[in-house]
Amino acid sequence: MTELIIYAIIFLLLIAHALMAGKMYRTVHEDTTLSIQEKNDWKLKALVFPIYYWGKYKMR
């Protein structure tokens, strides 16, 4: 039973990670003030640590 709970938590974290990365990816893609190089840089960062870089992106 404990193993099932651990897998459920890991699955929820994975889904949250994917949704946050997708949200940041879409937001960065729609930003017309960024160059293609900057967009690609932010998109790559979104795939690695989306929540951390979402805050950094919003503060720029």
Protein backbone atom coordinates (compact mmCIF):
# COMPACT_ATOMS: atom_id res chain seq x y z
CA MET A 1 0.00 0.00 0.00
CA THR A 2 2.83 2.38 0.82
CA GLU A 3 4.38 1.70 -2.56
CA LEU A 4 1.14 2.67 -4.30
CA ILE A 5 0.98 5.95 -2.40
CA ILE A 6 4.58 6.75 -3.33
CA TYR A 7 3.88 6.03 -7.00
CA ALA A 8 0.75 8.19 -6.89
CA ILE A 9 2.70 11.11 -5.43
CA ILE A 10 5.46 10.74 -8.02
CA PHE A 11 2.85 10.61 -10.78
CA LEU A 12 1.17 13.79 -9.50
CA LEU A 13 4.53 15.57 -9.34
CA LEU A 14 5.30 14.49 -12.90
CA ILE A 15 1.93 15.74 -14.16
CA ALA A 16 2.37 19.06 -12.33
CA HIS A 17 5.86 19.43 -13.81
CA ALA A 18 4.58 18.79 -17.34
CA LEU A 19 1.66 21.21 -16.97
CA MET A 20 3.86 23.98 -15.58
CA ALA A 21 6.47 23.48 -18.31
CA GLY A 22 3.74 23.62 -20.95
CA LYS A 23 2.29 26.81 -19.48
CA MET A 24 5.68 28.50 -19.40
CA TYR A 25 6.52 27.25 -22.90
CA ARG A 26 3.28 28.71 -24.28
CA THR A 27 3.75 32.04 -22.46
CA VAL A 28 7.34 32.43 -23.67
CA HIS A 29 6.36 31.50 -27.23
CA GLU A 30 3.71 34.25 -27.30
CA ASP A 31 6.09 36.93 -25.96
CA THR A 32 6.93 39.18 -28.91
CA THR A 33 9.60 41.15 -27.04
CA LEU A 34 12.02 38.20 -26.93
CA SER A 35 14.39 37.19 -29.71
CA ILE A 36 14.36 33.63 -31.02
CA GLN A 37 17.53 32.85 -29.05
CA GLU A 38 16.00 34.17 -25.81
CA LYS A 39 12.79 32.25 -26.43
CA ASN A 40 14.73 29.03 -26.98
CA ASP A 41 16.75 29.66 -23.81
CA TRP A 42 13.64 30.18 -21.69
CA LYS A 43 11.91 27.15 -23.26
CA LEU A 44 14.86 24.93 -22.43
CA LYS A 45 14.88 26.21 -18.87
CA ALA A 46 11.14 25.49 -18.66
CA LEU A 47 11.79 21.84 -19.40
CA VAL A 48 14.31 21.48 -16.57
CA PHE A 49 12.90 23.46 -13.61
CA PRO A 50 9.65 25.10 -14.70
CA ILE A 51 8.49 26.48 -11.34
CA TYR A 52 11.87 28.04 -10.48
CA TYR A 53 12.34 29.64 -13.88
CA TRP A 54 8.70 30.75 -14.08
CA GLY A 55 9.41 33.07 -11.16
CA LYS A 56 12.62 34.31 -12.77
CA TYR A 57 10.82 34.87 -16.09
CA LYS A 58 8.05 36.90 -14.43
CA MET A 59 10.57 39.06 -12.53
CA ARG A 60 12.59 40.04 -15.61
